[in-house]
Amino acid sequence: MLQELLGQKVAVRFLDGTSVREGVLEELDGQFVKYRSEYQLLYIPISSIRAVALETKERERPRVGFGQ
């Protein structure tokens, strides 16, 4: 399944509740995923990944304040 996400910008959520965003899946094999962002290069064990989410569109922030 992860093969389809190679070369795309994704967010990776880990089993401990942390996550990384704004990076690209570059390579994968049976044990590790190579993930590159603007600031870091990570080799992530597949066993530590909870979910991988494809980032397709910026999320709109709710407006704060009083208005009409």
C-alpha atoms as a PDB file:
ATOM      1  CA  MET A   1       0.000   0.000   0.000  1.00  0.00           C
ATOM      2  CA  LEU A   2       2.785   2.448   0.796  1.00  0.00           C
ATOM      3  CA  GLN A   3       4.182   1.954  -2.714  1.00  0.00           C
ATOM      4  CA  GLU A   4       1.389   4.183  -4.048  1.00  0.00           C
ATOM      5  CA  LEU A   5       2.528   7.064  -1.810  1.00  0.00           C
ATOM      6  CA  LEU A   6       6.162   7.130  -2.962  1.00  0.00           C
ATOM      7  CA  GLY A   7       7.171  10.602  -4.103  1.00  0.00           C
ATOM      8  CA  GLN A   8       4.172  12.309  -2.505  1.00  0.00           C
ATOM      9  CA  LYS A   9       3.966  14.723   0.414  1.00  0.00           C
ATOM     10  CA  VAL A  10       2.602  12.866   3.455  1.00  0.00           C
ATOM     11  CA  ALA A  11       2.243  13.088   7.218  1.00  0.00           C
ATOM     12  CA  VAL A  12       3.429  10.109   9.291  1.00  0.00           C
ATOM     13  CA  ARG A  13       1.865   9.412  12.699  1.00  0.00           C
ATOM     14  CA  PHE A  14       3.727   7.166  15.135  1.00  0.00           C
ATOM     15  CA  LEU A  15       2.539   4.709  17.792  1.00  0.00           C
ATOM     16  CA  ASP A  16       3.693   7.026  20.607  1.00  0.00           C
ATOM     17  CA  GLY A  17       1.404   9.841  19.385  1.00  0.00           C
ATOM     18  CA  THR A  18       4.030  12.030  17.700  1.00  0.00           C
ATOM     19  CA  SER A  19       4.079  12.849  14.006  1.00  0.00           C
ATOM     20  CA  VAL A  20       6.077  14.410  11.180  1.00  0.00           C
ATOM     21  CA  ARG A  21       4.582  16.479   8.365  1.00  0.00           C
ATOM     22  CA  GLU A  22       5.428  18.232   5.135  1.00  0.00           C
ATOM     23  CA  GLY A  23       7.813  15.529   3.941  1.00  0.00           C
ATOM     24  CA  VAL A  24       8.074  13.127   1.025  1.00  0.00           C
ATOM     25  CA  LEU A  25       8.316   9.327   1.073  1.00  0.00           C
ATOM     26  CA  GLU A  26      11.409   8.582  -0.994  1.00  0.00           C
ATOM     27  CA  GLU A  27      12.036   4.846  -0.582  1.00  0.00           C
ATOM     28  CA  LEU A  28      10.705   1.857   1.290  1.00  0.00           C
ATOM     29  CA  ASP A  29      11.523  -1.770   1.867  1.00  0.00           C
ATOM     30  CA  GLY A  30      10.233  -4.485   4.181  1.00  0.00           C
ATOM     31  CA  GLN A  31      11.569  -2.833   7.343  1.00  0.00           C
ATOM     32  CA  PHE A  32      12.165   0.914   6.836  1.00  0.00           C
ATOM     33  CA  VAL A  33      10.739   3.986   5.114  1.00  0.00           C
ATOM     34  CA  LYS A  34      12.977   6.821   3.930  1.00  0.00           C
ATOM     35  CA  TYR A  35      11.229  10.142   4.646  1.00  0.00           C
ATOM     36  CA  ARG A  36      12.699  13.532   3.677  1.00  0.00           C
ATOM     37  CA  SER A  37      11.453  16.963   4.748  1.00  0.00           C
ATOM     38  CA  GLU A  38      12.996  20.377   4.241  1.00  0.00           C
ATOM     39  CA  TYR A  39      14.917  20.054   7.515  1.00  0.00           C
ATOM     40  CA  GLN A  40      15.581  16.362   8.075  1.00  0.00           C
ATOM     41  CA  LEU A  41      16.037  12.929   6.575  1.00  0.00           C
ATOM     42  CA  LEU A  42      14.465  10.081   8.553  1.00  0.00           C
ATOM     43  CA  TYR A  43      14.731   6.316   8.248  1.00  0.00           C
ATOM     44  CA  ILE A  44      11.557   5.168  10.001  1.00  0.00           C
ATOM     45  CA  PRO A  45      10.965   1.559  11.073  1.00  0.00           C
ATOM     46  CA  ILE A  46       7.654   0.378   9.641  1.00  0.00           C
ATOM     47  CA  SER A  47       6.800  -1.215  12.996  1.00  0.00           C
ATOM     48  CA  SER A  48       6.669   2.254  14.641  1.00  0.00           C
ATOM     49  CA  ILE A  49       4.173   3.771  12.166  1.00  0.00           C
ATOM     50  CA  ARG A  50       0.517   4.052  13.135  1.00  0.00           C
ATOM     51  CA  ALA A  51      -0.747   5.875  10.021  1.00  0.00           C
ATOM     52  CA  VAL A  52       0.407   7.628   6.876  1.00  0.00           C
ATOM     53  CA  ALA A  53      -1.805  10.448   5.596  1.00  0.00           C
ATOM     54  CA  LEU A  54      -1.627  12.021   2.163  1.00  0.00           C
ATOM     55  CA  GLU A  55      -1.621  15.819   2.408  1.00  0.00           C
ATOM     56  CA  THR A  56      -3.820  16.954  -0.450  1.00  0.00           C
ATOM     57  CA  LYS A  57      -4.964  20.442   0.535  1.00  0.00           C
ATOM     58  CA  GLU A  58      -4.244  23.053   3.188  1.00  0.00           C
ATOM     59  CA  ARG A  59      -6.707  22.907   6.033  1.00  0.00           C
ATOM     60  CA  GLU A  60      -8.771  26.059   6.475  1.00  0.00           C
ATOM     61  CA  ARG A  61      -8.386  27.590   9.891  1.00  0.00           C
ATOM     62  CA  PRO A  62     -11.598  28.671  11.636  1.00  0.00           C
ATOM     63  CA  ARG A  63     -12.082  32.406  11.877  1.00  0.00           C
ATOM     64  CA  VAL A  64     -11.669  33.863  15.304  1.00  0.00           C
ATOM     65  CA  GLY A  65     -13.453  36.982  16.421  1.00  0.00           C
ATOM     66  CA  PHE A  66     -16.769  38.680  16.088  1.00  0.00           C
ATOM     67  CA  GLY A  67     -18.213  39.199  12.660  1.00  0.00           C
ATOM     68  CA  GLN A  68     -21.270  38.911  10.562  1.00  0.00           C
END
